[in-house]
Amino acid sequence: MAARVILLTLLISITLPLYTMAQRSGLGLKGGILGSLTRSALLRYDPVLGGTAGLYLALHGGPRFELQPELLVTLQGSSHKAPENDLRRMDRQVYLQLPVSAKLFVSNAFNLHLGGQMGWLLLARTSTTEGSRDSRSDFVPLDAGIVVGMGLDLRTGTDLTLRYYSGLTPILVGDSTVFPHNNTLQFTAGYRFLRMGAADHGRRRS
């Protein structure tokens, strides 16, 4: 149910501005590193490093406001010791993600943002000392949650972002005890290679 509500909210957030916002501030490419961790109250997971890359679109909504949908491919995961045999497992997933953030500029460049994110599982692999296997069937194909963060959008077209994602939906198929959720902390750098309309939108960038 939570995933459906977030998906509907994201779709409305994307489509309405396309009709109501006359000018778009830019289309860009972004990429960066992230630390990912699966959160569970009953099982301890350890973080692993990953990465993310894709496109983002900044939609002008006023002197201090932008709406930013993105389309990203993200490598994330976690590791843990299996309770039944103490064997360490490394779970890696690749998601196609659609985050949509509302950005409030508190200065000419510095902004705070909050939004939602949907993720569709593309690949999953589980590795142990005994080998590795395709584990897509172990994971729920749709992930949903909220994003919160801060950033610097520079006049040169460079955008720097620090963002935290907290998953709201359990990720394991058929699980009734552990209820793990995805969590990531990412740092990305982007560049707006295409700018449409007024570049500054009434806000002087530093």
N, C-alpha and C. Protein backbone atom coordinates (compact mmCIF):
# COMPACT_ATOMS: atom_id res chain seq x y z
N MET A 1 0.82 -1.20 0.00
CA MET A 1 0.00 0.00 0.00
C MET A 1 0.86 1.26 0.00
N ALA A 2 1.93 1.26 0.84
CA ALA A 2 2.82 2.42 0.91
C ALA A 2 3.48 2.68 -0.43
N ALA A 3 3.87 1.60 -1.13
CA ALA A 3 4.52 1.75 -2.43
C ALA A 3 3.57 2.39 -3.44
N ARG A 4 2.30 2.00 -3.41
CA ARG A 4 1.32 2.57 -4.35
C ARG A 4 1.09 4.05 -4.09
N VAL A 5 1.02 4.42 -2.81
CA VAL A 5 0.82 5.83 -2.46
C VAL A 5 1.99 6.67 -2.92
N ILE A 6 3.22 6.18 -2.69
CA ILE A 6 4.41 6.92 -3.11
C ILE A 6 4.48 7.02 -4.62
N LEU A 7 4.16 5.93 -5.33
CA LEU A 7 4.18 5.96 -6.79
C LEU A 7 3.18 6.97 -7.34
N LEU A 8 1.96 6.99 -6.78
CA LEU A 8 0.95 7.95 -7.24
C LEU A 8 1.40 9.38 -6.97
N THR A 9 1.98 9.61 -5.79
CA THR A 9 2.47 10.95 -5.46
C THR A 9 3.56 11.40 -6.41
N LEU A 10 4.48 10.48 -6.74
CA LEU A 10 5.56 10.82 -7.66
C LEU A 10 5.04 11.14 -9.05
N LEU A 11 4.08 10.36 -9.52
CA LEU A 11 3.52 10.61 -10.85
C LEU A 11 2.84 11.97 -10.93
N ILE A 12 2.07 12.30 -9.89
CA ILE A 12 1.41 13.61 -9.86
C ILE A 12 2.45 14.73 -9.79
N SER A 13 3.50 14.52 -8.98
CA SER A 13 4.53 15.54 -8.82
C SER A 13 5.27 15.81 -10.11
N ILE A 14 5.40 14.79 -10.97
CA ILE A 14 6.12 14.96 -12.23
C ILE A 14 5.23 15.58 -13.29
N THR A 15 4.00 15.08 -13.43
CA THR A 15 3.16 15.49 -14.56
C THR A 15 2.59 16.89 -14.41
N LEU A 16 2.17 17.27 -13.21
CA LEU A 16 1.58 18.59 -13.03
C LEU A 16 2.55 19.73 -13.34
N PRO A 17 3.81 19.66 -12.86
CA PRO A 17 4.72 20.76 -13.19
C PRO A 17 4.99 20.91 -14.67
N LEU A 18 4.90 19.83 -15.43
CA LEU A 18 5.14 19.92 -16.87
C LEU A 18 4.12 20.83 -17.54
N TYR A 19 2.93 20.96 -16.96
CA TYR A 19 1.90 21.83 -17.51
C TYR A 19 1.91 23.22 -16.87
N THR A 20 2.30 23.30 -15.60
CA THR A 20 2.17 24.56 -14.88
C THR A 20 3.45 25.37 -14.81
N MET A 21 4.59 24.74 -14.96
CA MET A 21 5.87 25.45 -14.89
C MET A 21 6.34 25.77 -16.31
N ALA A 22 6.33 27.00 -16.67
CA ALA A 22 6.61 27.39 -18.05
C ALA A 22 8.07 27.24 -18.42
N GLN A 23 8.97 27.40 -17.46
CA GLN A 23 10.39 27.35 -17.76
C GLN A 23 11.05 26.24 -16.97
N ARG A 24 11.99 25.56 -17.61
CA ARG A 24 12.77 24.53 -16.95
C ARG A 24 14.20 25.04 -16.80
N SER A 25 14.77 24.85 -15.64
CA SER A 25 16.09 25.42 -15.40
C SER A 25 17.22 24.58 -15.97
N GLY A 26 17.00 23.30 -16.24
CA GLY A 26 18.09 22.55 -16.84
C GLY A 26 17.93 21.04 -16.79
N LEU A 27 18.61 20.41 -17.75
CA LEU A 27 18.70 18.96 -17.82
C LEU A 27 20.17 18.59 -17.64
N GLY A 28 20.45 17.62 -16.78
CA GLY A 28 21.84 17.31 -16.49
C GLY A 28 22.12 15.84 -16.28
N LEU A 29 23.42 15.55 -16.21
CA LEU A 29 23.93 14.23 -15.87
C LEU A 29 24.54 14.29 -14.48
N LYS A 30 24.37 13.22 -13.70
CA LYS A 30 24.94 13.19 -12.37
C LYS A 30 25.45 11.79 -12.06
N GLY A 31 26.36 11.72 -11.09
CA GLY A 31 26.89 10.44 -10.65
C GLY A 31 27.61 10.62 -9.33
N GLY A 32 27.80 9.51 -8.62
CA GLY A 32 28.49 9.62 -7.34
C GLY A 32 28.60 8.29 -6.63
N ILE A 33 29.05 8.37 -5.39
CA ILE A 33 29.25 7.20 -4.56
C ILE A 33 28.20 7.16 -3.46
N LEU A 34 27.98 5.98 -2.92
CA LEU A 34 27.03 5.85 -1.82
C LEU A 34 27.46 4.73 -0.88
N GLY A 35 27.02 4.86 0.34
CA GLY A 35 27.11 3.78 1.31
C GLY A 35 25.71 3.25 1.53
N SER A 36 25.54 1.94 1.42
CA SER A 36 24.21 1.35 1.55
C SER A 36 24.18 0.36 2.70
N LEU A 37 23.04 0.29 3.34
CA LEU A 37 22.86 -0.57 4.51
C LEU A 37 21.42 -1.04 4.57
N THR A 38 21.23 -2.32 4.79
CA THR A 38 19.89 -2.85 5.01
C THR A 38 19.57 -2.75 6.50
N ARG A 39 18.42 -2.18 6.83
CA ARG A 39 18.03 -1.95 8.22
C ARG A 39 17.02 -2.99 8.66
N SER A 40 17.30 -3.62 9.81
CA SER A 40 16.38 -4.59 10.39
C SER A 40 16.52 -4.57 11.90
N ALA A 41 15.40 -4.75 12.60
CA ALA A 41 15.43 -4.75 14.06
C ALA A 41 15.95 -6.07 14.61
N LEU A 42 15.94 -7.14 13.81
CA LEU A 42 16.29 -8.47 14.31
C LEU A 42 17.61 -9.00 13.79
N LEU A 43 18.14 -8.41 12.73
CA LEU A 43 19.36 -8.94 12.12
C LEU A 43 20.31 -7.78 11.85
N ARG A 44 21.58 -7.99 12.22
CA ARG A 44 22.57 -6.93 12.01
C ARG A 44 23.15 -7.03 10.60
N TYR A 45 23.06 -5.94 9.86
CA TYR A 45 23.64 -5.83 8.53
C TYR A 45 24.82 -4.86 8.57
N ASP A 46 25.81 -5.11 7.73
CA ASP A 46 26.96 -4.22 7.61
C ASP A 46 26.88 -3.46 6.28
N PRO A 47 27.35 -2.20 6.27
CA PRO A 47 27.24 -1.39 5.04
C PRO A 47 28.26 -1.80 3.99
N VAL A 48 27.95 -1.49 2.74
CA VAL A 48 28.86 -1.69 1.62
C VAL A 48 28.83 -0.43 0.75
N LEU A 49 29.88 -0.26 -0.04
CA LEU A 49 29.96 0.88 -0.95
C LEU A 49 29.28 0.56 -2.27
N GLY A 50 28.75 1.58 -2.89
CA GLY A 50 28.12 1.42 -4.20
C GLY A 50 28.24 2.70 -4.99
N GLY A 51 27.43 2.82 -6.02
CA GLY A 51 27.48 4.00 -6.87
C GLY A 51 26.15 4.23 -7.57
N THR A 52 25.98 5.43 -8.09
CA THR A 52 24.76 5.80 -8.79
C THR A 52 25.07 6.77 -9.92
N ALA A 53 24.29 6.72 -11.00
CA ALA A 53 24.50 7.61 -12.14
C ALA A 53 23.21 7.71 -12.93
N GLY A 54 23.00 8.87 -13.58
CA GLY A 54 21.81 9.01 -14.40
C GLY A 54 21.53 10.45 -14.78
N LEU A 55 20.28 10.71 -15.15
CA LEU A 55 19.82 12.01 -15.61
C LEU A 55 18.98 12.70 -14.53
N TYR A 56 19.00 14.04 -14.53
CA TYR A 56 18.10 14.79 -13.66
C TYR A 56 17.59 16.02 -14.39
N LEU A 57 16.39 16.43 -14.00
CA LEU A 57 15.72 17.57 -14.62
C LEU A 57 15.26 18.51 -13.51
N ALA A 58 15.71 19.77 -13.57
CA ALA A 58 15.32 20.77 -12.57
C ALA A 58 14.20 21.63 -13.14
N LEU A 59 13.07 21.62 -12.48
CA LEU A 59 11.89 22.37 -12.94
C LEU A 59 11.70 23.60 -12.06
N HIS A 60 11.71 24.76 -12.69
CA HIS A 60 11.58 26.03 -11.97
C HIS A 60 10.18 26.19 -11.40
N GLY A 61 10.11 26.49 -10.09
CA GLY A 61 8.82 26.70 -9.46
C GLY A 61 8.70 28.02 -8.75
N GLY A 62 9.72 28.88 -8.87
CA GLY A 62 9.71 30.17 -8.18
C GLY A 62 11.12 30.58 -7.83
N PRO A 63 11.30 31.78 -7.25
CA PRO A 63 12.64 32.27 -6.93
C PRO A 63 13.41 31.36 -5.98
N ARG A 64 12.71 30.63 -5.12
CA ARG A 64 13.40 29.80 -4.13
C ARG A 64 12.98 28.34 -4.18
N PHE A 65 12.40 27.91 -5.27
CA PHE A 65 11.86 26.55 -5.30
C PHE A 65 12.13 25.88 -6.64
N GLU A 66 12.53 24.61 -6.59
CA GLU A 66 12.65 23.76 -7.77
C GLU A 66 12.10 22.38 -7.46
N LEU A 67 11.59 21.73 -8.47
CA LEU A 67 11.19 20.33 -8.38
C LEU A 67 12.14 19.54 -9.27
N GLN A 68 12.75 18.50 -8.70
CA GLN A 68 13.79 17.78 -9.44
C GLN A 68 13.50 16.28 -9.52
N PRO A 69 12.94 15.80 -10.63
CA PRO A 69 12.86 14.36 -10.88
C PRO A 69 14.17 13.86 -11.47
N GLU A 70 14.49 12.60 -11.18
CA GLU A 70 15.72 11.99 -11.67
C GLU A 70 15.44 10.57 -12.13
N LEU A 71 16.30 10.07 -13.00
CA LEU A 71 16.25 8.68 -13.42
C LEU A 71 17.65 8.12 -13.28
N LEU A 72 17.84 7.19 -12.33
CA LEU A 72 19.16 6.73 -11.94
C LEU A 72 19.27 5.21 -12.00
N VAL A 73 20.47 4.74 -12.28
CA VAL A 73 20.82 3.33 -12.10
C VAL A 73 21.77 3.27 -10.91
N THR A 74 21.42 2.46 -9.91
CA THR A 74 22.15 2.46 -8.64
C THR A 74 22.57 1.05 -8.25
N LEU A 75 23.84 0.92 -7.87
CA LEU A 75 24.37 -0.32 -7.31
C LEU A 75 24.46 -0.15 -5.80
N GLN A 76 23.80 -1.03 -5.07
CA GLN A 76 23.80 -0.96 -3.61
C GLN A 76 23.76 -2.37 -3.03
N GLY A 77 23.62 -2.46 -1.71
CA GLY A 77 23.56 -3.78 -1.08
C GLY A 77 23.94 -3.72 0.39
N SER A 78 24.29 -4.87 0.94
CA SER A 78 24.72 -4.97 2.33
C SER A 78 25.31 -6.36 2.54
N SER A 79 25.88 -6.57 3.71
CA SER A 79 26.41 -7.89 4.05
C SER A 79 25.97 -8.26 5.46
N HIS A 80 25.88 -9.55 5.73
CA HIS A 80 25.51 -10.01 7.06
C HIS A 80 25.92 -11.47 7.23
N LYS A 81 25.93 -11.92 8.47
CA LYS A 81 26.19 -13.32 8.77
C LYS A 81 24.87 -14.05 8.89
N ALA A 82 24.74 -15.15 8.15
CA ALA A 82 23.53 -15.95 8.22
C ALA A 82 23.41 -16.58 9.60
N PRO A 83 22.29 -16.41 10.30
CA PRO A 83 22.16 -16.92 11.67
C PRO A 83 22.20 -18.44 11.76
N GLU A 84 21.84 -19.13 10.67
CA GLU A 84 21.79 -20.59 10.76
C GLU A 84 23.17 -21.25 10.69
N ASN A 85 24.16 -20.59 10.04
CA ASN A 85 25.48 -21.23 9.91
C ASN A 85 26.64 -20.26 10.08
N ASP A 86 26.37 -19.02 10.46
CA ASP A 86 27.40 -18.00 10.69
C ASP A 86 28.23 -17.72 9.44
N LEU A 87 27.68 -18.00 8.28
CA LEU A 87 28.37 -17.76 7.02
C LEU A 87 28.05 -16.35 6.53
N ARG A 88 29.11 -15.58 6.21
CA ARG A 88 28.88 -14.21 5.76
C ARG A 88 28.37 -14.18 4.33
N ARG A 89 27.31 -13.38 4.13
CA ARG A 89 26.69 -13.21 2.81
C ARG A 89 26.81 -11.76 2.37
N MET A 90 27.10 -11.59 1.11
CA MET A 90 27.12 -10.26 0.50
C MET A 90 26.00 -10.19 -0.52
N ASP A 91 25.05 -9.30 -0.27
CA ASP A 91 23.93 -9.09 -1.20
C ASP A 91 24.16 -7.81 -1.99
N ARG A 92 24.10 -7.92 -3.31
CA ARG A 92 24.25 -6.76 -4.18
C ARG A 92 23.02 -6.65 -5.07
N GLN A 93 22.50 -5.43 -5.19
CA GLN A 93 21.35 -5.19 -6.06
C GLN A 93 21.62 -4.00 -6.97
N VAL A 94 21.05 -4.07 -8.17
CA VAL A 94 21.05 -2.94 -9.09
C VAL A 94 19.60 -2.52 -9.29
N TYR A 95 19.31 -1.24 -9.01
CA TYR A 95 17.96 -0.70 -9.13
C TYR A 95 17.91 0.39 -10.20
N LEU A 96 16.79 0.47 -10.89
CA LEU A 96 16.43 1.65 -11.67
C LEU A 96 15.57 2.50 -10.75
N GLN A 97 16.04 3.70 -10.41
CA GLN A 97 15.38 4.51 -9.39
C GLN A 97 14.81 5.80 -9.97
N LEU A 98 13.67 6.20 -9.42
CA LEU A 98 13.01 7.45 -9.80
C LEU A 98 12.76 8.28 -8.54
N PRO A 99 13.75 9.09 -8.11
CA PRO A 99 13.51 10.02 -7.02
C PRO A 99 12.95 11.34 -7.53
N VAL A 100 12.06 11.94 -6.76
CA VAL A 100 11.52 13.27 -7.07
C VAL A 100 11.63 14.11 -5.80
N SER A 101 12.38 15.22 -5.88
CA SER A 101 12.65 16.04 -4.71
C SER A 101 12.14 17.46 -4.89
N ALA A 102 11.53 17.99 -3.84
CA ALA A 102 11.20 19.41 -3.77
C ALA A 102 12.38 20.12 -3.11
N LYS A 103 12.94 21.12 -3.80
CA LYS A 103 14.15 21.80 -3.32
C LYS A 103 13.82 23.23 -2.91
N LEU A 104 14.16 23.56 -1.67
CA LEU A 104 13.97 24.90 -1.14
C LEU A 104 15.33 25.56 -0.99
N PHE A 105 15.53 26.67 -1.70
CA PHE A 105 16.81 27.39 -1.64
C PHE A 105 16.79 28.37 -0.47
N VAL A 106 17.70 28.16 0.49
CA VAL A 106 17.81 29.04 1.65
C VAL A 106 18.87 30.12 1.42
N SER A 107 19.64 29.99 0.35
CA SER A 107 20.56 31.03 -0.10
C SER A 107 20.62 30.95 -1.62
N ASN A 108 21.53 31.68 -2.23
CA ASN A 108 21.62 31.68 -3.69
C ASN A 108 21.98 30.32 -4.26
N ALA A 109 22.72 29.51 -3.50
CA ALA A 109 23.16 28.22 -4.01
C ALA A 109 22.76 27.06 -3.11
N PHE A 110 22.73 27.26 -1.79
CA PHE A 110 22.47 26.18 -0.85
C PHE A 110 20.98 25.87 -0.78
N ASN A 111 20.66 24.57 -0.84
CA ASN A 111 19.26 24.16 -0.81
C ASN A 111 19.06 22.93 0.06
N LEU A 112 17.86 22.82 0.57
CA LEU A 112 17.40 21.63 1.30
C LEU A 112 16.34 20.95 0.45
N HIS A 113 16.32 19.62 0.48
CA HIS A 113 15.30 18.96 -0.32
C HIS A 113 14.70 17.74 0.38
N LEU A 114 13.46 17.47 -0.01
CA LEU A 114 12.67 16.38 0.56
C LEU A 114 11.80 15.81 -0.54
N GLY A 115 11.66 14.48 -0.56
CA GLY A 115 10.84 13.88 -1.61
C GLY A 115 10.65 12.40 -1.42
N GLY A 116 10.21 11.75 -2.48
CA GLY A 116 9.98 10.32 -2.48
C GLY A 116 10.77 9.63 -3.57
N GLN A 117 10.90 8.33 -3.46
CA GLN A 117 11.66 7.57 -4.45
C GLN A 117 11.05 6.20 -4.65
N MET A 118 10.97 5.80 -5.92
CA MET A 118 10.61 4.44 -6.29
C MET A 118 11.82 3.77 -6.93
N GLY A 119 11.96 2.47 -6.70
CA GLY A 119 13.06 1.73 -7.29
C GLY A 119 12.59 0.39 -7.81
N TRP A 120 13.02 0.04 -9.04
CA TRP A 120 12.67 -1.23 -9.66
C TRP A 120 13.92 -2.09 -9.75
N LEU A 121 13.85 -3.29 -9.19
CA LEU A 121 15.01 -4.18 -9.14
C LEU A 121 15.35 -4.70 -10.53
N LEU A 122 16.60 -4.48 -10.95
CA LEU A 122 17.07 -4.97 -12.24
C LEU A 122 17.90 -6.24 -12.09
N LEU A 123 18.81 -6.24 -11.13
CA LEU A 123 19.71 -7.36 -10.92
C LEU A 123 19.92 -7.55 -9.42
N ALA A 124 20.20 -8.79 -9.02
CA ALA A 124 20.56 -9.08 -7.64
C ALA A 124 21.46 -10.31 -7.61
N ARG A 125 22.47 -10.23 -6.77
CA ARG A 125 23.40 -11.35 -6.67
C ARG A 125 23.84 -11.49 -5.21
N THR A 126 23.88 -12.72 -4.73
CA THR A 126 24.31 -13.03 -3.37
C THR A 126 25.58 -13.85 -3.43
N SER A 127 26.61 -13.41 -2.68
CA SER A 127 27.91 -14.08 -2.69
C SER A 127 28.29 -14.53 -1.29
N THR A 128 28.91 -15.70 -1.21
CA THR A 128 29.49 -16.22 0.02
C THR A 128 30.86 -16.80 -0.32
N THR A 129 31.53 -17.35 0.68
CA THR A 129 32.82 -17.99 0.42
C THR A 129 32.67 -19.24 -0.43
N GLU A 130 31.45 -19.73 -0.55
CA GLU A 130 31.20 -20.94 -1.34
C GLU A 130 30.83 -20.63 -2.79
N GLY A 131 30.67 -19.34 -3.13
CA GLY A 131 30.31 -18.97 -4.50
C GLY A 131 29.24 -17.90 -4.52
N SER A 132 28.69 -17.65 -5.71
CA SER A 132 27.66 -16.63 -5.86
C SER A 132 26.52 -17.16 -6.72
N ARG A 133 25.35 -16.52 -6.59
CA ARG A 133 24.18 -16.96 -7.33
C ARG A 133 23.28 -15.76 -7.63
N ASP A 134 22.46 -15.90 -8.65
CA ASP A 134 21.43 -14.91 -8.96
C ASP A 134 20.35 -14.99 -7.88
N SER A 135 20.08 -13.87 -7.23
CA SER A 135 19.13 -13.87 -6.11
C SER A 135 17.96 -12.91 -6.33
N ARG A 136 17.63 -12.61 -7.58
CA ARG A 136 16.51 -11.70 -7.84
C ARG A 136 15.20 -12.21 -7.25
N SER A 137 15.03 -13.53 -7.23
CA SER A 137 13.78 -14.10 -6.71
C SER A 137 13.66 -13.93 -5.20
N ASP A 138 14.76 -13.58 -4.52
CA ASP A 138 14.72 -13.38 -3.07
C ASP A 138 14.19 -12.00 -2.68
N PHE A 139 14.20 -11.07 -3.63
CA PHE A 139 13.90 -9.68 -3.30
C PHE A 139 12.62 -9.19 -3.97
N VAL A 140 11.90 -8.35 -3.24
CA VAL A 140 10.69 -7.71 -3.79
C VAL A 140 11.11 -6.82 -4.96
N PRO A 141 10.43 -6.90 -6.10
CA PRO A 141 10.87 -6.14 -7.29
C PRO A 141 10.68 -4.63 -7.20
N LEU A 142 9.88 -4.15 -6.25
CA LEU A 142 9.61 -2.71 -6.14
C LEU A 142 9.99 -2.22 -4.75
N ASP A 143 10.78 -1.14 -4.71
CA ASP A 143 11.22 -0.54 -3.45
C ASP A 143 10.73 0.91 -3.41
N ALA A 144 10.28 1.37 -2.25
CA ALA A 144 9.76 2.73 -2.14
C ALA A 144 10.18 3.33 -0.81
N GLY A 145 10.41 4.65 -0.81
CA GLY A 145 10.81 5.31 0.41
C GLY A 145 10.88 6.81 0.25
N ILE A 146 11.51 7.47 1.21
CA ILE A 146 11.63 8.92 1.20
C ILE A 146 13.10 9.32 1.09
N VAL A 147 13.33 10.51 0.53
CA VAL A 147 14.68 11.06 0.42
C VAL A 147 14.70 12.42 1.10
N VAL A 148 15.83 12.72 1.75
CA VAL A 148 16.03 14.02 2.38
C VAL A 148 17.51 14.36 2.21
N GLY A 149 17.79 15.64 1.99
CA GLY A 149 19.19 15.99 1.79
C GLY A 149 19.41 17.47 1.65
N MET A 150 20.61 17.80 1.20
CA MET A 150 21.00 19.19 0.98
C MET A 150 21.95 19.25 -0.20
N GLY A 151 22.08 20.45 -0.77
CA GLY A 151 22.92 20.56 -1.94
C GLY A 151 23.39 21.97 -2.21
N LEU A 152 24.33 22.06 -3.15
CA LEU A 152 24.82 23.33 -3.67
C LEU A 152 24.61 23.32 -5.18
N ASP A 153 23.80 24.24 -5.69
CA ASP A 153 23.59 24.39 -7.13
C ASP A 153 24.31 25.65 -7.58
N LEU A 154 25.42 25.48 -8.28
CA LEU A 154 26.29 26.60 -8.62
C LEU A 154 25.91 27.22 -9.96
N ARG A 155 26.29 28.46 -10.13
CA ARG A 155 25.95 29.19 -11.35
C ARG A 155 26.63 28.59 -12.58
N THR A 156 27.73 27.89 -12.37
CA THR A 156 28.44 27.25 -13.48
C THR A 156 27.67 26.08 -14.08
N GLY A 157 26.60 25.63 -13.39
CA GLY A 157 25.85 24.47 -13.85
C GLY A 157 26.18 23.21 -13.08
N THR A 158 27.13 23.30 -12.16
CA THR A 158 27.50 22.16 -11.33
C THR A 158 26.59 22.07 -10.11
N ASP A 159 26.08 20.88 -9.84
CA ASP A 159 25.20 20.64 -8.69
C ASP A 159 25.82 19.56 -7.80
N LEU A 160 26.00 19.85 -6.52
CA LEU A 160 26.53 18.91 -5.54
C LEU A 160 25.43 18.57 -4.55
N THR A 161 25.27 17.27 -4.27
CA THR A 161 24.15 16.84 -3.42
C THR A 161 24.59 15.77 -2.43
N LEU A 162 24.16 15.92 -1.18
CA LEU A 162 24.29 14.89 -0.16
C LEU A 162 22.87 14.47 0.22
N ARG A 163 22.57 13.18 0.05
CA ARG A 163 21.18 12.72 0.19
C ARG A 163 21.11 11.41 0.98
N TYR A 164 20.08 11.33 1.82
CA TYR A 164 19.80 10.09 2.56
C TYR A 164 18.48 9.51 2.08
N TYR A 165 18.48 8.21 1.84
CA TYR A 165 17.26 7.50 1.44
C TYR A 165 16.89 6.50 2.52
N SER A 166 15.62 6.50 2.91
CA SER A 166 15.09 5.55 3.88
C SER A 166 13.95 4.78 3.26
N GLY A 167 14.14 3.48 3.05
CA GLY A 167 13.10 2.65 2.47
C GLY A 167 11.96 2.40 3.43
N LEU A 168 10.75 2.40 2.91
CA LEU A 168 9.55 2.18 3.73
C LEU A 168 8.94 0.80 3.52
N THR A 169 9.40 0.07 2.51
CA THR A 169 8.83 -1.24 2.20
C THR A 169 9.86 -2.34 2.43
N PRO A 170 9.49 -3.46 3.06
CA PRO A 170 10.41 -4.58 3.22
C PRO A 170 10.86 -5.11 1.86
N ILE A 171 12.11 -5.60 1.79
CA ILE A 171 12.67 -5.97 0.49
C ILE A 171 12.76 -7.48 0.26
N LEU A 172 12.52 -8.30 1.28
CA LEU A 172 12.63 -9.75 1.11
C LEU A 172 11.28 -10.38 0.77
N VAL A 173 11.29 -11.31 -0.18
CA VAL A 173 10.09 -12.04 -0.57
C VAL A 173 9.78 -13.11 0.49
N GLY A 174 8.52 -13.19 0.91
CA GLY A 174 8.09 -14.24 1.83
C GLY A 174 8.63 -14.11 3.23
N ASP A 175 9.13 -12.95 3.61
CA ASP A 175 9.71 -12.76 4.94
C ASP A 175 8.62 -12.37 5.94
N SER A 176 8.64 -12.99 7.13
CA SER A 176 7.67 -12.66 8.17
C SER A 176 8.34 -12.40 9.52
N THR A 177 9.67 -12.26 9.52
CA THR A 177 10.37 -12.07 10.79
C THR A 177 11.38 -10.91 10.76
N VAL A 178 12.17 -10.79 9.70
CA VAL A 178 13.29 -9.85 9.68
C VAL A 178 12.86 -8.45 9.22
N PHE A 179 12.02 -8.37 8.20
CA PHE A 179 11.51 -7.12 7.64
C PHE A 179 12.62 -6.10 7.35
N PRO A 180 13.58 -6.44 6.50
CA PRO A 180 14.66 -5.50 6.19
C PRO A 180 14.21 -4.41 5.22
N HIS A 181 14.82 -3.22 5.36
CA HIS A 181 14.54 -2.08 4.49
C HIS A 181 15.86 -1.52 3.96
N ASN A 182 15.82 -0.98 2.76
CA ASN A 182 17.01 -0.35 2.18
C ASN A 182 17.25 1.03 2.76
N ASN A 183 18.53 1.35 2.99
CA ASN A 183 18.95 2.69 3.40
C ASN A 183 20.24 3.04 2.66
N THR A 184 20.34 4.26 2.17
CA THR A 184 21.57 4.68 1.51
C THR A 184 21.88 6.13 1.88
N LEU A 185 23.18 6.44 1.87
CA LEU A 185 23.67 7.80 2.00
C LEU A 185 24.58 8.04 0.81
N GLN A 186 24.26 9.03 -0.02
CA GLN A 186 25.00 9.22 -1.26
C GLN A 186 25.46 10.66 -1.43
N PHE A 187 26.61 10.77 -2.09
CA PHE A 187 27.13 12.07 -2.50
C PHE A 187 27.29 12.06 -4.00
N THR A 188 26.68 13.04 -4.68
CA THR A 188 26.71 13.08 -6.13
C THR A 188 27.14 14.45 -6.63
N ALA A 189 27.72 14.45 -7.81
CA ALA A 189 28.04 15.68 -8.53
C ALA A 189 27.35 15.62 -9.89
N GLY A 190 26.70 16.71 -10.26
CA GLY A 190 26.00 16.76 -11.53
C GLY A 190 26.35 18.00 -12.31
N TYR A 191 26.05 17.96 -13.60
CA TYR A 191 26.27 19.14 -14.45
C TYR A 191 25.09 19.31 -15.39
N ARG A 192 24.52 20.52 -15.41
CA ARG A 192 23.38 20.83 -16.27
C ARG A 192 23.90 21.22 -17.66
N PHE A 193 23.90 20.25 -18.56
CA PHE A 193 24.45 20.50 -19.89
C PHE A 193 23.45 21.19 -20.81
N LEU A 194 22.17 21.22 -20.43
CA LEU A 194 21.15 21.88 -21.23
C LEU A 194 20.31 22.76 -20.31
N ARG A 195 20.28 24.06 -20.62
CA ARG A 195 19.50 25.00 -19.81
C ARG A 195 18.44 25.64 -20.69
N MET A 196 17.23 25.65 -20.18
CA MET A 196 16.09 26.17 -20.94
C MET A 196 15.42 27.30 -20.19
N GLY A 197 15.03 28.34 -20.89
CA GLY A 197 14.44 29.50 -20.24
C GLY A 197 15.50 30.33 -19.56
N ALA A 198 15.07 31.14 -18.62
CA ALA A 198 16.01 31.97 -17.88
C ALA A 198 16.85 31.11 -16.97
N ALA A 199 18.15 31.25 -17.07
CA ALA A 199 19.05 30.36 -16.35
C ALA A 199 18.97 30.54 -14.85
N ASP A 200 18.78 31.80 -14.37
CA ASP A 200 18.84 32.05 -12.94
C ASP A 200 17.47 32.09 -12.29
N HIS A 201 16.39 32.30 -13.09
CA HIS A 201 15.03 32.32 -12.56
C HIS A 201 14.87 33.31 -11.41
N GLY A 202 15.50 34.48 -11.52
CA GLY A 202 15.34 35.49 -10.48
C GLY A 202 16.18 35.24 -9.25
N ARG A 203 17.01 34.21 -9.25
CA ARG A 203 17.84 33.92 -8.09
C ARG A 203 19.30 34.04 -8.52
N ARG A 204 20.05 34.87 -7.85
CA ARG A 204 21.45 35.02 -8.19
C ARG A 204 22.23 33.84 -7.62
N ARG A 205 22.82 33.05 -8.50
CA ARG A 205 23.62 31.90 -8.07
C ARG A 205 25.04 32.34 -7.76
N SER A 206 25.68 31.67 -6.81
CA SER A 206 27.06 31.98 -6.49
C SER A 206 28.00 31.11 -7.31
